[in-house]
């Protein structure tokens, strides 16, 4: 019995539609991250441990929804598709960016590669485009805009029947999620190079919630079959189309918005620390004259 179960489990974990691009990107990112953790040193084992756990948990989730049999299921069930995009656009990017991979991977990059990459990264057009995308208003518009665009019934119908558009949809959701959450979870303050302050980023997290609620509620409360493409492709399980659709809408509506709440809870302690650091020099400055006066009066 065990001999039958193990191969079946392995078959489900193996790539459903193998992607060389995904393999190269994953191996490169993982190698640079591990090398960067080793180069970074300091911070203690637990510090490096939680960063590694967050990064590789996010990578594992991306692999699960893009390469395993879950990807096949997502092409035949609305609610699994919405769960797939919840992982690609919210959960996995949040975990990966929580590990601050940009600075760690830069440390792990070999000098030759760093020298080769820097001219491209330093190009004015690349820098302007990146800084524009990282602006809070633009980042939030792209974040909710992509969700709404790929869920338009006419667009969704064509995309689910075209392999190239399907991969473009999934990759765009993942890359946009990484860009958005890297801006939101940047550990730096404005004074040290962040594109937006902690308060502005918390505001952005709240502003992207209403559009997601509207889209999710529209799907969850619809009285007709919006996504008829799943009837064309054939559903994996014998479930009522409206039930399938309503569950998918709830996934877009509730867990998607809860990620904004989680992001805000992550940022609040960082914002508090920044306020404390700003207040400390003022307190020290105010205390200095009184200290000098006391030392003069009592030599």
Foldseek 3Di string as FASTA:
>chain_A
DVVVVVVVVVQQLAFPDDDPVLVVVLVLLVQLLVLLLVLVDDPDPVLSVQLVVLQVVLSSLLSNCHTGCLVVQLLQFLQSVLVSLCSQQFRSLLSNLLSVSVNSSLNSDDPVVCVVCVVVCVPPVNVVVLLVCLALVNLLCLSLVLVVVCPQQVNVLVQSVDPVSVVVSSVSSNVSSNSNSNLLNVLDAVVVPRSHHNVVSLVSLVVSQVSLQVQLCCQLVDPDQSRCSSVVVDRPDPDDSSVSRNSSSVSSRPPSSVSSVVSNVSSVVSNVVVVVVVVVVVVVVVVVVVVVVVVVVPD
